[in-house]
Amino acid sequence: MERVCFKLQVRPERVEDYKRAHAAVWPEMLAALRDAGWGNYSIFIDADGLVIGYFETDSLDRAQARMAATEVNARWQQASQGMFLDLEVPADQGFVVLEEVFNLDAQLEQSGLGADHA
């Protein structure tokens, strides 16, 4: 399983629009994300518009391609066009993936202190 953390920058004047859109995501978009393999997906936003997202998937490339092939994603990306700073492509294709430098579970397991050690 691939763990993906990403960042985007919402225009400060569009932060409330972004939050409203994500408070009530279209049911067909939710189903498309699930079916495309975007599991355990969360998005966080700071007051200045910094967005941090996290999801788990079998393959980032495949998950992005599956979403890009859906009609509902095209509508969602169109609806969110103009919300982001310095983004020339749809947000789900233009986010910056962050490097994971620490994972508690992985290091506990590696050190022999995994879940069954407690």
PDB file of N, CA and C in Angstrom:
ATOM      1  N   MET A   1       0.844  -1.179   0.000  1.00  0.00           N
ATOM      2  CA  MET A   1       0.000   0.000   0.000  1.00  0.00           C
ATOM      3  C   MET A   1       0.887   1.239   0.000  1.00  0.00           C
ATOM      4  N   GLU A   2       0.596   2.138  -0.894  1.00  0.00           N
ATOM      5  CA  GLU A   2       1.334   3.396  -1.012  1.00  0.00           C
ATOM      6  C   GLU A   2       0.627   4.456  -0.164  1.00  0.00           C
ATOM      7  N   ARG A   3       1.378   5.128   0.697  1.00  0.00           N
ATOM      8  CA  ARG A   3       0.849   6.225   1.516  1.00  0.00           C
ATOM      9  C   ARG A   3       1.246   7.526   0.820  1.00  0.00           C
ATOM     10  N   VAL A   4       0.278   8.369   0.513  1.00  0.00           N
ATOM     11  CA  VAL A   4       0.530   9.592  -0.248  1.00  0.00           C
ATOM     12  C   VAL A   4       0.091  10.797   0.578  1.00  0.00           C
ATOM     13  N   CYS A   5       1.018  11.722   0.783  1.00  0.00           N
ATOM     14  CA  CYS A   5       0.710  12.998   1.412  1.00  0.00           C
ATOM     15  C   CYS A   5       1.036  14.076   0.387  1.00  0.00           C
ATOM     16  N   PHE A   6       0.130  15.027   0.244  1.00  0.00           N
ATOM     17  CA  PHE A   6       0.346  16.058  -0.768  1.00  0.00           C
ATOM     18  C   PHE A   6      -0.040  17.431  -0.232  1.00  0.00           C
ATOM     19  N   LYS A   7       0.418  18.460  -0.979  1.00  0.00           N
ATOM     20  CA  LYS A   7       0.040  19.822  -0.630  1.00  0.00           C
ATOM     21  C   LYS A   7      -0.417  20.579  -1.870  1.00  0.00           C
ATOM     22  N   LEU A   8      -1.291  21.512  -1.617  1.00  0.00           N
ATOM     23  CA  LEU A   8      -1.792  22.457  -2.605  1.00  0.00           C
ATOM     24  C   LEU A   8      -1.942  23.802  -1.907  1.00  0.00           C
ATOM     25  N   GLN A   9      -2.077  24.855  -2.674  1.00  0.00           N
ATOM     26  CA  GLN A   9      -2.299  26.165  -2.071  1.00  0.00           C
ATOM     27  C   GLN A   9      -3.576  26.772  -2.653  1.00  0.00           C
ATOM     28  N   VAL A  10      -4.590  26.886  -1.822  1.00  0.00           N
ATOM     29  CA  VAL A  10      -5.839  27.537  -2.209  1.00  0.00           C
ATOM     30  C   VAL A  10      -5.641  29.046  -2.101  1.00  0.00           C
ATOM     31  N   ARG A  11      -6.208  29.765  -3.048  1.00  0.00           N
ATOM     32  CA  ARG A  11      -6.157  31.227  -2.972  1.00  0.00           C
ATOM     33  C   ARG A  11      -6.835  31.664  -1.672  1.00  0.00           C
ATOM     34  N   PRO A  12      -6.209  32.569  -0.931  1.00  0.00           N
ATOM     35  CA  PRO A  12      -6.783  32.967   0.367  1.00  0.00           C
ATOM     36  C   PRO A  12      -8.247  33.403   0.277  1.00  0.00           C
ATOM     37  N   GLU A  13      -8.602  34.082  -0.793  1.00  0.00           N
ATOM     38  CA  GLU A  13      -9.981  34.559  -0.934  1.00  0.00           C
ATOM     39  C   GLU A  13     -10.969  33.436  -1.290  1.00  0.00           C
ATOM     40  N   ARG A  14     -10.456  32.229  -1.568  1.00  0.00           N
ATOM     41  CA  ARG A  14     -11.312  31.094  -1.932  1.00  0.00           C
ATOM     42  C   ARG A  14     -11.351  30.000  -0.867  1.00  0.00           C
ATOM     43  N   VAL A  15     -10.716  30.233   0.287  1.00  0.00           N
ATOM     44  CA  VAL A  15     -10.656  29.216   1.334  1.00  0.00           C
ATOM     45  C   VAL A  15     -12.055  28.786   1.770  1.00  0.00           C
ATOM     46  N   GLU A  16     -12.954  29.717   1.985  1.00  0.00           N
ATOM     47  CA  GLU A  16     -14.308  29.360   2.432  1.00  0.00           C
ATOM     48  C   GLU A  16     -15.046  28.577   1.352  1.00  0.00           C
ATOM     49  N   ASP A  17     -14.850  28.935   0.078  1.00  0.00           N
ATOM     50  CA  ASP A  17     -15.456  28.167  -1.024  1.00  0.00           C
ATOM     51  C   ASP A  17     -14.943  26.732  -1.013  1.00  0.00           C
ATOM     52  N   TYR A  18     -13.640  26.575  -0.819  1.00  0.00           N
ATOM     53  CA  TYR A  18     -13.024  25.246  -0.793  1.00  0.00           C
ATOM     54  C   TYR A  18     -13.597  24.419   0.361  1.00  0.00           C
ATOM     55  N   LYS A  19     -13.705  25.037   1.529  1.00  0.00           N
ATOM     56  CA  LYS A  19     -14.233  24.327   2.694  1.00  0.00           C
ATOM     57  C   LYS A  19     -15.694  23.921   2.482  1.00  0.00           C
ATOM     58  N   ARG A  20     -16.491  24.813   1.912  1.00  0.00           N
ATOM     59  CA  ARG A  20     -17.904  24.490   1.639  1.00  0.00           C
ATOM     60  C   ARG A  20     -18.016  23.326   0.661  1.00  0.00           C
ATOM     61  N   ALA A  21     -17.206  23.346  -0.381  1.00  0.00           N
ATOM     62  CA  ALA A  21     -17.258  22.274  -1.385  1.00  0.00           C
ATOM     63  C   ALA A  21     -16.919  20.930  -0.759  1.00  0.00           C
ATOM     64  N   HIS A  22     -15.969  20.917   0.147  1.00  0.00           N
ATOM     65  CA  HIS A  22     -15.533  19.651   0.747  1.00  0.00           C
ATOM     66  C   HIS A  22     -16.393  19.223   1.939  1.00  0.00           C
ATOM     67  N   ALA A  23     -17.256  20.105   2.421  1.00  0.00           N
ATOM     68  CA  ALA A  23     -18.181  19.735   3.495  1.00  0.00           C
ATOM     69  C   ALA A  23     -19.333  18.883   2.964  1.00  0.00           C
ATOM     70  N   ALA A  24     -19.555  18.947   1.654  1.00  0.00           N
ATOM     71  CA  ALA A  24     -20.669  18.205   1.047  1.00  0.00           C
ATOM     72  C   ALA A  24     -20.261  17.720  -0.348  1.00  0.00           C
ATOM     73  N   VAL A  25     -19.277  16.849  -0.399  1.00  0.00           N
ATOM     74  CA  VAL A  25     -18.797  16.309  -1.679  1.00  0.00           C
ATOM     75  C   VAL A  25     -19.908  15.479  -2.311  1.00  0.00           C
ATOM     76  N   TRP A  26     -20.060  15.631  -3.621  1.00  0.00           N
ATOM     77  CA  TRP A  26     -21.107  14.906  -4.350  1.00  0.00           C
ATOM     78  C   TRP A  26     -20.975  13.401  -4.120  1.00  0.00           C
ATOM     79  N   PRO A  27     -22.077  12.711  -3.880  1.00  0.00           N
ATOM     80  CA  PRO A  27     -22.019  11.258  -3.662  1.00  0.00           C
ATOM     81  C   PRO A  27     -21.327  10.506  -4.798  1.00  0.00           C
ATOM     82  N   GLU A  28     -21.537  10.923  -6.033  1.00  0.00           N
ATOM     83  CA  GLU A  28     -20.896  10.229  -7.154  1.00  0.00           C
ATOM     84  C   GLU A  28     -19.385  10.464  -7.177  1.00  0.00           C
ATOM     85  N   MET A  29     -18.940  11.598  -6.632  1.00  0.00           N
ATOM     86  CA  MET A  29     -17.501  11.851  -6.517  1.00  0.00           C
ATOM     87  C   MET A  29     -16.904  10.973  -5.420  1.00  0.00           C
ATOM     88  N   LEU A  30     -17.616  10.850  -4.304  1.00  0.00           N
ATOM     89  CA  LEU A  30     -17.156   9.972  -3.231  1.00  0.00           C
ATOM     90  C   LEU A  30     -17.005   8.541  -3.734  1.00  0.00           C
ATOM     91  N   ALA A  31     -18.002   8.068  -4.479  1.00  0.00           N
ATOM     92  CA  ALA A  31     -17.949   6.703  -5.015  1.00  0.00           C
ATOM     93  C   ALA A  31     -16.809   6.548  -6.007  1.00  0.00           C
ATOM     94  N   ALA A  32     -16.580   7.566  -6.839  1.00  0.00           N
ATOM     95  CA  ALA A  32     -15.496   7.494  -7.826  1.00  0.00           C
ATOM     96  C   ALA A  32     -14.135   7.422  -7.132  1.00  0.00           C
ATOM     97  N   LEU A  33     -13.946   8.220  -6.098  1.00  0.00           N
ATOM     98  CA  LEU A  33     -12.683   8.172  -5.352  1.00  0.00           C
ATOM     99  C   LEU A  33     -12.474   6.787  -4.748  1.00  0.00           C
ATOM    100  N   ARG A  34     -13.502   6.274  -4.107  1.00  0.00           N
ATOM    101  CA  ARG A  34     -13.410   4.931  -3.515  1.00  0.00           C
ATOM    102  C   ARG A  34     -13.085   3.891  -4.582  1.00  0.00           C
ATOM    103  N   ASP A  35     -13.814   3.933  -5.690  1.00  0.00           N
ATOM    104  CA  ASP A  35     -13.635   2.939  -6.747  1.00  0.00           C
ATOM    105  C   ASP A  35     -12.286   3.066  -7.445  1.00  0.00           C
ATOM    106  N   ALA A  36     -11.719   4.270  -7.446  1.00  0.00           N
ATOM    107  CA  ALA A  36     -10.415   4.500  -8.081  1.00  0.00           C
ATOM    108  C   ALA A  36      -9.256   4.134  -7.167  1.00  0.00           C
ATOM    109  N   GLY A  37      -9.565   3.792  -5.912  1.00  0.00           N
ATOM    110  CA  GLY A  37      -8.512   3.343  -5.018  1.00  0.00           C
ATOM    111  C   GLY A  37      -7.926   4.397  -4.105  1.00  0.00           C
ATOM    112  N   TRP A  38      -8.669   5.483  -3.860  1.00  0.00           N
ATOM    113  CA  TRP A  38      -8.215   6.517  -2.922  1.00  0.00           C
ATOM    114  C   TRP A  38      -8.792   6.168  -1.550  1.00  0.00           C
ATOM    115  N   GLY A  39      -8.050   5.390  -0.746  1.00  0.00           N
ATOM    116  CA  GLY A  39      -8.542   4.954   0.549  1.00  0.00           C
ATOM    117  C   GLY A  39      -7.985   5.785   1.693  1.00  0.00           C
ATOM    118  N   ASN A  40      -8.699   5.760   2.815  1.00  0.00           N
ATOM    119  CA  ASN A  40      -8.279   6.470   4.017  1.00  0.00           C
ATOM    120  C   ASN A  40      -7.873   7.906   3.678  1.00  0.00           C
ATOM    121  N   TYR A  41      -8.720   8.597   2.900  1.00  0.00           N
ATOM    122  CA  TYR A  41      -8.417   9.906   2.328  1.00  0.00           C
ATOM    123  C   TYR A  41      -8.906  11.017   3.250  1.00  0.00           C
ATOM    124  N   SER A  42      -8.009  11.913   3.605  1.00  0.00           N
ATOM    125  CA  SER A  42      -8.334  13.091   4.411  1.00  0.00           C
ATOM    126  C   SER A  42      -7.672  14.317   3.810  1.00  0.00           C
ATOM    127  N   ILE A  43      -8.330  15.454   4.000  1.00  0.00           N
ATOM    128  CA  ILE A  43      -7.783  16.745   3.576  1.00  0.00           C
ATOM    129  C   ILE A  43      -7.842  17.695   4.765  1.00  0.00           C
ATOM    130  N   PHE A  44      -6.764  18.451   4.957  1.00  0.00           N
ATOM    131  CA  PHE A  44      -6.679  19.446   6.021  1.00  0.00           C
ATOM    132  C   PHE A  44      -6.347  20.785   5.367  1.00  0.00           C
ATOM    133  N   ILE A  45      -6.827  21.877   5.952  1.00  0.00           N
ATOM    134  CA  ILE A  45      -6.536  23.199   5.397  1.00  0.00           C
ATOM    135  C   ILE A  45      -6.202  24.171   6.517  1.00  0.00           C
ATOM    136  N   ASP A  46      -5.212  25.018   6.271  1.00  0.00           N
ATOM    137  CA  ASP A  46      -4.822  26.070   7.199  1.00  0.00           C
ATOM    138  C   ASP A  46      -5.565  27.351   6.809  1.00  0.00           C
ATOM    139  N   ALA A  47      -5.618  28.301   7.701  1.00  0.00           N
ATOM    140  CA  ALA A  47      -6.328  29.555   7.444  1.00  0.00           C
ATOM    141  C   ALA A  47      -5.788  30.296   6.225  1.00  0.00           C
ATOM    142  N   ASP A  48      -4.498  30.117   5.910  1.00  0.00           N
ATOM    143  CA  ASP A  48      -3.907  30.810   4.759  1.00  0.00           C
ATOM    144  C   ASP A  48      -4.139  30.071   3.439  1.00  0.00           C
ATOM    145  N   GLY A  49      -4.834  28.931   3.485  1.00  0.00           N
ATOM    146  CA  GLY A  49      -5.139  28.185   2.270  1.00  0.00           C
ATOM    147  C   GLY A  49      -4.218  27.021   1.985  1.00  0.00           C
ATOM    148  N   LEU A  50      -3.236  26.775   2.835  1.00  0.00           N
ATOM    149  CA  LEU A  50      -2.378  25.607   2.641  1.00  0.00           C
ATOM    150  C   LEU A  50      -3.212  24.352   2.863  1.00  0.00           C
ATOM    151  N   VAL A  51      -3.252  23.487   1.856  1.00  0.00           N
ATOM    152  CA  VAL A  51      -3.985  22.230   1.925  1.00  0.00           C
ATOM    153  C   VAL A  51      -2.982  21.091   2.031  1.00  0.00           C
ATOM    154  N   ILE A  52      -3.220  20.214   2.988  1.00  0.00           N
ATOM    155  CA  ILE A  52      -2.446  18.980   3.120  1.00  0.00           C
ATOM    156  C   ILE A  52      -3.439  17.838   3.004  1.00  0.00           C
ATOM    157  N   GLY A  53      -3.168  16.923   2.094  1.00  0.00           N
ATOM    158  CA  GLY A  53      -4.030  15.768   1.911  1.00  0.00           C
ATOM    159  C   GLY A  53      -3.244  14.490   2.133  1.00  0.00           C
ATOM    160  N   TYR A  54      -3.968  13.447   2.499  1.00  0.00           N
ATOM    161  CA  TYR A  54      -3.349  12.146   2.728  1.00  0.00           C
ATOM    162  C   TYR A  54      -4.310  11.071   2.241  1.00  0.00           C
ATOM    163  N   PHE A  55      -3.774  10.080   1.534  1.00  0.00           N
ATOM    164  CA  PHE A  55      -4.566   8.905   1.186  1.00  0.00           C
ATOM    165  C   PHE A  55      -3.653   7.712   0.987  1.00  0.00           C
ATOM    166  N   GLU A  56      -4.262   6.545   0.970  1.00  0.00           N
ATOM    167  CA  GLU A  56      -3.540   5.301   0.737  1.00  0.00           C
ATOM    168  C   GLU A  56      -4.106   4.659  -0.518  1.00  0.00           C
ATOM    169  N   THR A  57      -3.227   4.059  -1.313  1.00  0.00           N
ATOM    170  CA  THR A  57      -3.647   3.493  -2.585  1.00  0.00           C
ATOM    171  C   THR A  57      -2.688   2.385  -3.002  1.00  0.00           C
ATOM    172  N   ASP A  58      -3.145   1.545  -3.912  1.00  0.00           N
ATOM    173  CA  ASP A  58      -2.254   0.506  -4.428  1.00  0.00           C
ATOM    174  C   ASP A  58      -1.201   1.113  -5.345  1.00  0.00           C
ATOM    175  N   SER A  59      -1.525   2.241  -6.001  1.00  0.00           N
ATOM    176  CA  SER A  59      -0.587   2.915  -6.898  1.00  0.00           C
ATOM    177  C   SER A  59      -1.075   4.330  -7.148  1.00  0.00           C
ATOM    178  N   LEU A  60      -0.259   5.315  -6.846  1.00  0.00           N
ATOM    179  CA  LEU A  60      -0.625   6.706  -7.097  1.00  0.00           C
ATOM    180  C   LEU A  60      -0.932   6.924  -8.572  1.00  0.00           C
ATOM    181  N   ASP A  61      -0.078   6.429  -9.444  1.00  0.00           N
ATOM    182  CA  ASP A  61      -0.288   6.622 -10.876  1.00  0.00           C
ATOM    183  C   ASP A  61      -1.618   6.030 -11.330  1.00  0.00           C
ATOM    184  N   ARG A  62      -1.914   4.815 -10.880  1.00  0.00           N
ATOM    185  CA  ARG A  62      -3.179   4.174 -11.275  1.00  0.00           C
ATOM    186  C   ARG A  62      -4.383   4.903 -10.674  1.00  0.00           C
ATOM    187  N   ALA A  63      -4.277   5.315  -9.422  1.00  0.00           N
ATOM    188  CA  ALA A  63      -5.378   6.024  -8.775  1.00  0.00           C
ATOM    189  C   ALA A  63      -5.676   7.342  -9.493  1.00  0.00           C
ATOM    190  N   GLN A  64      -4.634   8.065  -9.866  1.00  0.00           N
ATOM    191  CA  GLN A  64      -4.830   9.310 -10.605  1.00  0.00           C
ATOM    192  C   GLN A  64      -5.423   9.045 -11.982  1.00  0.00           C
ATOM    193  N   ALA A  65      -4.937   8.032 -12.659  1.00  0.00           N
ATOM    194  CA  ALA A  65      -5.452   7.706 -13.994  1.00  0.00           C
ATOM    195  C   ALA A  65      -6.913   7.279 -13.933  1.00  0.00           C
ATOM    196  N   ARG A  66      -7.261   6.481 -12.925  1.00  0.00           N
ATOM    197  CA  ARG A  66      -8.655   6.046 -12.780  1.00  0.00           C
ATOM    198  C   ARG A  66      -9.574   7.248 -12.572  1.00  0.00           C
ATOM    199  N   MET A  67      -9.152   8.190 -11.739  1.00  0.00           N
ATOM    200  CA  MET A  67      -9.976   9.379 -11.507  1.00  0.00           C
ATOM    201  C   MET A  67     -10.053  10.244 -12.757  1.00  0.00           C
ATOM    202  N   ALA A  68      -8.941  10.394 -13.439  1.00  0.00           N
ATOM    203  CA  ALA A  68      -8.927  11.222 -14.647  1.00  0.00           C
ATOM    204  C   ALA A  68      -9.875  10.687 -15.713  1.00  0.00           C
ATOM    205  N   ALA A  69     -10.166   9.397 -15.657  1.00  0.00           N
ATOM    206  CA  ALA A  69     -11.043   8.772 -16.651  1.00  0.00           C
ATOM    207  C   ALA A  69     -12.532   8.917 -16.321  1.00  0.00           C
ATOM    208  N   THR A  70     -12.867   9.521 -15.179  1.00  0.00           N
ATOM    209  CA  THR A  70     -14.277   9.631 -14.801  1.00  0.00           C
ATOM    210  C   THR A  70     -14.867  10.977 -15.191  1.00  0.00           C
ATOM    211  N   GLU A  71     -16.120  10.945 -15.557  1.00  0.00           N
ATOM    212  CA  GLU A  71     -16.841  12.171 -15.909  1.00  0.00           C
ATOM    213  C   GLU A  71     -17.048  13.059 -14.687  1.00  0.00           C
ATOM    214  N   VAL A  72     -17.345  12.444 -13.546  1.00  0.00           N
ATOM    215  CA  VAL A  72     -17.601  13.239 -12.341  1.00  0.00           C
ATOM    216  C   VAL A  72     -16.348  13.989 -11.915  1.00  0.00           C
ATOM    217  N   ASN A  73     -15.175  13.406 -12.083  1.00  0.00           N
ATOM    218  CA  ASN A  73     -13.948  14.113 -11.738  1.00  0.00           C
ATOM    219  C   ASN A  73     -13.736  15.316 -12.653  1.00  0.00           C
ATOM    220  N   ALA A  74     -14.054  15.172 -13.919  1.00  0.00           N
ATOM    221  CA  ALA A  74     -13.932  16.312 -14.835  1.00  0.00           C
ATOM    222  C   ALA A  74     -14.832  17.459 -14.362  1.00  0.00           C
ATOM    223  N   ARG A  75     -16.059  17.147 -13.943  1.00  0.00           N
ATOM    224  CA  ARG A  75     -16.969  18.168 -13.425  1.00  0.00           C
ATOM    225  C   ARG A  75     -16.445  18.786 -12.134  1.00  0.00           C
ATOM    226  N   TRP A  76     -15.906  17.935 -11.234  1.00  0.00           N
ATOM    227  CA  TRP A  76     -15.373  18.435  -9.960  1.00  0.00           C
ATOM    228  C   TRP A  76     -14.186  19.368 -10.203  1.00  0.00           C
ATOM    229  N   GLN A  77     -13.286  18.960 -11.081  1.00  0.00           N
ATOM    230  CA  GLN A  77     -12.109  19.788 -11.366  1.00  0.00           C
ATOM    231  C   GLN A  77     -12.526  21.105 -12.012  1.00  0.00           C
ATOM    232  N   GLN A  78     -13.531  21.063 -12.875  1.00  0.00           N
ATOM    233  CA  GLN A  78     -14.044  22.288 -13.494  1.00  0.00           C
ATOM    234  C   GLN A  78     -14.632  23.217 -12.430  1.00  0.00           C
ATOM    235  N   ALA A  79     -15.382  22.644 -11.500  1.00  0.00           N
ATOM    236  CA  ALA A  79     -16.004  23.441 -10.438  1.00  0.00           C
ATOM    237  C   ALA A  79     -14.958  24.084  -9.527  1.00  0.00           C
ATOM    238  N   SER A  80     -13.813  23.445  -9.366  1.00  0.00           N
ATOM    239  CA  SER A  80     -12.782  23.990  -8.474  1.00  0.00           C
ATOM    240  C   SER A  80     -11.719  24.794  -9.218  1.00  0.00           C
ATOM    241  N   GLN A  81     -11.889  24.941 -10.508  1.00  0.00           N
ATOM    242  CA  GLN A  81     -10.930  25.716 -11.294  1.00  0.00           C
ATOM    243  C   GLN A  81     -10.856  27.144 -10.754  1.00  0.00           C
ATOM    244  N   GLY A  82      -9.660  27.658 -10.651  1.00  0.00           N
ATOM    245  CA  GLY A  82      -9.451  29.015 -10.157  1.00  0.00           C
ATOM    246  C   GLY A  82      -9.300  29.117  -8.652  1.00  0.00           C
ATOM    247  N   MET A  83      -9.463  28.010  -7.934  1.00  0.00           N
ATOM    248  CA  MET A  83      -9.310  28.041  -6.473  1.00  0.00           C
ATOM    249  C   MET A  83      -7.857  28.009  -6.029  1.00  0.00           C
ATOM    250  N   PHE A  84      -6.959  27.546  -6.900  1.00  0.00           N
ATOM    251  CA  PHE A  84      -5.587  27.264  -6.481  1.00  0.00           C
ATOM    252  C   PHE A  84      -4.595  28.267  -7.058  1.00  0.00           C
ATOM    253  N   LEU A  85      -3.556  28.534  -6.290  1.00  0.00           N
ATOM    254  CA  LEU A  85      -2.462  29.382  -6.756  1.00  0.00           C
ATOM    255  C   LEU A  85      -1.495  28.558  -7.601  1.00  0.00           C
ATOM    256  N   ASP A  86      -1.009  29.131  -8.668  1.00  0.00           N
ATOM    257  CA  ASP A  86       0.071  28.553  -9.471  1.00  0.00           C
ATOM    258  C   ASP A  86      -0.200  27.113  -9.899  1.00  0.00           C
ATOM    259  N   LEU A  87      -1.398  26.843 -10.385  1.00  0.00           N
ATOM    260  CA  LEU A  87      -1.739  25.495 -10.804  1.00  0.00           C
ATOM    261  C   LEU A  87      -2.335  25.553 -12.205  1.00  0.00           C
ATOM    262  N   GLU A  88      -1.638  24.943 -13.151  1.00  0.00           N
ATOM    263  CA  GLU A  88      -2.054  24.968 -14.554  1.00  0.00           C
ATOM    264  C   GLU A  88      -2.827  23.717 -14.961  1.00  0.00           C
ATOM    265  N   VAL A  89      -2.851  22.714 -14.091  1.00  0.00           N
ATOM    266  CA  VAL A  89      -3.519  21.438 -14.379  1.00  0.00           C
ATOM    267  C   VAL A  89      -4.554  21.185 -13.282  1.00  0.00           C
ATOM    268  N   PRO A  90      -5.437  20.204 -13.463  1.00  0.00           N
ATOM    269  CA  PRO A  90      -6.391  19.888 -12.390  1.00  0.00           C
ATOM    270  C   PRO A  90      -5.671  19.580 -11.082  1.00  0.00           C
ATOM    271  N   ALA A  91      -6.305  19.955  -9.984  1.00  0.00           N
ATOM    272  CA  ALA A  91      -5.673  19.815  -8.664  1.00  0.00           C
ATOM    273  C   ALA A  91      -5.240  18.389  -8.370  1.00  0.00           C
ATOM    274  N   ASP A  92      -6.028  17.408  -8.813  1.00  0.00           N
ATOM    275  CA  ASP A  92      -5.672  16.012  -8.502  1.00  0.00           C
ATOM    276  C   ASP A  92      -4.511  15.510  -9.346  1.00  0.00           C
ATOM    277  N   GLN A  93      -4.075  16.299 -10.310  1.00  0.00           N
ATOM    278  CA  GLN A  93      -2.903  15.965 -11.114  1.00  0.00           C
ATOM    279  C   GLN A  93      -1.724  16.892 -10.797  1.00  0.00           C
ATOM    280  N   GLY A  94      -1.995  18.023 -10.133  1.00  0.00           N
ATOM    281  CA  GLY A  94      -0.951  19.016  -9.918  1.00  0.00           C
ATOM    282  C   GLY A  94      -0.482  19.179  -8.493  1.00  0.00           C
ATOM    283  N   PHE A  95      -0.996  18.365  -7.586  1.00  0.00           N
ATOM    284  CA  PHE A  95      -0.539  18.516  -6.207  1.00  0.00           C
ATOM    285  C   PHE A  95       0.911  18.078  -6.071  1.00  0.00           C
ATOM    286  N   VAL A  96       1.568  18.613  -5.054  1.00  0.00           N
ATOM    287  CA  VAL A  96       2.963  18.289  -4.768  1.00  0.00           C
ATOM    288  C   VAL A  96       2.978  17.171  -3.734  1.00  0.00           C
ATOM    289  N   VAL A  97       3.569  16.042  -4.102  1.00  0.00           N
ATOM    290  CA  VAL A  97       3.668  14.910  -3.181  1.00  0.00           C
ATOM    291  C   VAL A  97       4.830  15.158  -2.229  1.00  0.00           C
ATOM    292  N   LEU A  98       4.565  14.967  -0.947  1.00  0.00           N
ATOM    293  CA  LEU A  98       5.583  15.175   0.085  1.00  0.00           C
ATOM    294  C   LEU A  98       6.279  13.855   0.402  1.00  0.00           C
ATOM    295  N   GLU A  99       7.543  13.951   0.730  1.00  0.00           N
ATOM    296  CA  GLU A  99       8.334  12.775   1.087  1.00  0.00           C
ATOM    297  C   GLU A  99       8.047  12.372   2.533  1.00  0.00           C
ATOM    298  N   GLU A 100       7.731  11.117   2.737  1.00  0.00           N
ATOM    299  CA  GLU A 100       7.536  10.616   4.091  1.00  0.00           C
ATOM    300  C   GLU A 100       8.902  10.367   4.724  1.00  0.00           C
ATOM    301  N   VAL A 101       9.137  10.978   5.880  1.00  0.00           N
ATOM    302  CA  VAL A 101      10.426  10.809   6.561  1.00  0.00           C
ATOM    303  C   VAL A 101      10.292  10.084   7.894  1.00  0.00           C
ATOM    304  N   PHE A 102       9.068   9.866   8.361  1.00  0.00           N
ATOM    305  CA  PHE A 102       8.860   9.144   9.610  1.00  0.00           C
ATOM    306  C   PHE A 102       7.503   8.457   9.571  1.00  0.00           C
ATOM    307  N   ASN A 103       7.488   7.194  10.021  1.00  0.00           N
ATOM    308  CA  ASN A 103       6.255   6.439  10.180  1.00  0.00           C
ATOM    309  C   ASN A 103       6.391   5.634  11.464  1.00  0.00           C
ATOM    310  N   LEU A 104       5.586   5.974  12.450  1.00  0.00           N
ATOM    311  CA  LEU A 104       5.684   5.337  13.765  1.00  0.00           C
ATOM    312  C   LEU A 104       5.517   3.831  13.674  1.00  0.00           C
ATOM    313  N   ASP A 105       4.471   3.360  12.991  1.00  0.00           N
ATOM    314  CA  ASP A 105       4.230   1.920  12.909  1.00  0.00           C
ATOM    315  C   ASP A 105       5.407   1.189  12.272  1.00  0.00           C
ATOM    316  N   ALA A 106       5.939   1.756  11.198  1.00  0.00           N
ATOM    317  CA  ALA A 106       7.057   1.110  10.515  1.00  0.00           C
ATOM    318  C   ALA A 106       8.284   1.024  11.428  1.00  0.00           C
ATOM    319  N   GLN A 107       8.573   2.097  12.157  1.00  0.00           N
ATOM    320  CA  GLN A 107       9.746   2.075  13.024  1.00  0.00           C
ATOM    321  C   GLN A 107       9.534   1.197  14.250  1.00  0.00           C
ATOM    322  N   LEU A 108       8.311   1.162  14.777  1.00  0.00           N
ATOM    323  CA  LEU A 108       8.033   0.244  15.885  1.00  0.00           C
ATOM    324  C   LEU A 108       8.242  -1.195  15.437  1.00  0.00           C
ATOM    325  N   GLU A 109       7.734  -1.514  14.261  1.00  0.00           N
ATOM    326  CA  GLU A 109       7.874  -2.873  13.725  1.00  0.00           C
ATOM    327  C   GLU A 109       9.353  -3.202  13.508  1.00  0.00           C
ATOM    328  N   GLN A 110      10.069  -2.255  12.908  1.00  0.00           N
ATOM    329  CA  GLN A 110      11.496  -2.457  12.623  1.00  0.00           C
ATOM    330  C   GLN A 110      12.309  -2.654  13.913  1.00  0.00           C
ATOM    331  N   SER A 111      11.900  -1.980  14.975  1.00  0.00           N
ATOM    332  CA  SER A 111      12.642  -2.069  16.231  1.00  0.00           C
ATOM    333  C   SER A 111      12.212  -3.254  17.096  1.00  0.00           C
ATOM    334  N   GLY A 112      11.218  -4.005  16.616  1.00  0.00           N
ATOM    335  CA  GLY A 112      10.733  -5.127  17.410  1.00  0.00           C
ATOM    336  C   GLY A 112       9.711  -4.735  18.455  1.00  0.00           C
ATOM    337  N   LEU A 113       9.254  -3.496  18.413  1.00  0.00           N
ATOM    338  CA  LEU A 113       8.275  -3.001  19.385  1.00  0.00           C
ATOM    339  C   LEU A 113       6.880  -2.904  18.774  1.00  0.00           C
ATOM    340  N   GLY A 114       6.586  -3.723  17.760  1.00  0.00           N
ATOM    341  CA  GLY A 114       5.303  -3.686  17.064  1.00  0.00           C
ATOM    342  C   GLY A 114       4.108  -3.871  17.970  1.00  0.00           C
ATOM    343  N   ALA A 115       2.918  -3.851  17.397  1.00  0.00           N
ATOM    344  CA  ALA A 115       1.655  -3.881  18.129  1.00  0.00           C
ATOM    345  C   ALA A 115       1.563  -5.030  19.114  1.00  0.00           C
ATOM    346  N   ASP A 116       2.091  -6.201  18.772  1.00  0.00           N
ATOM    347  CA  ASP A 116       1.962  -7.347  19.670  1.00  0.00           C
ATOM    348  C   ASP A 116       3.017  -7.327  20.781  1.00  0.00           C
ATOM    349  N   HIS A 117       3.848  -6.295  20.807  1.00  0.00           N
ATOM    350  CA  HIS A 117       4.854  -6.173  21.872  1.00  0.00           C
ATOM    351  C   HIS A 117       4.237  -5.591  23.149  1.00  0.00           C
ATOM    352  N   ALA A 118       3.177  -4.797  22.989  1.00  0.00           N
ATOM    353  CA  ALA A 118       2.575  -4.096  24.136  1.00  0.00           C
ATOM    354  C   ALA A 118       1.947  -5.035  25.055  1.00  0.00           C
TER     355      ALA A 118
END
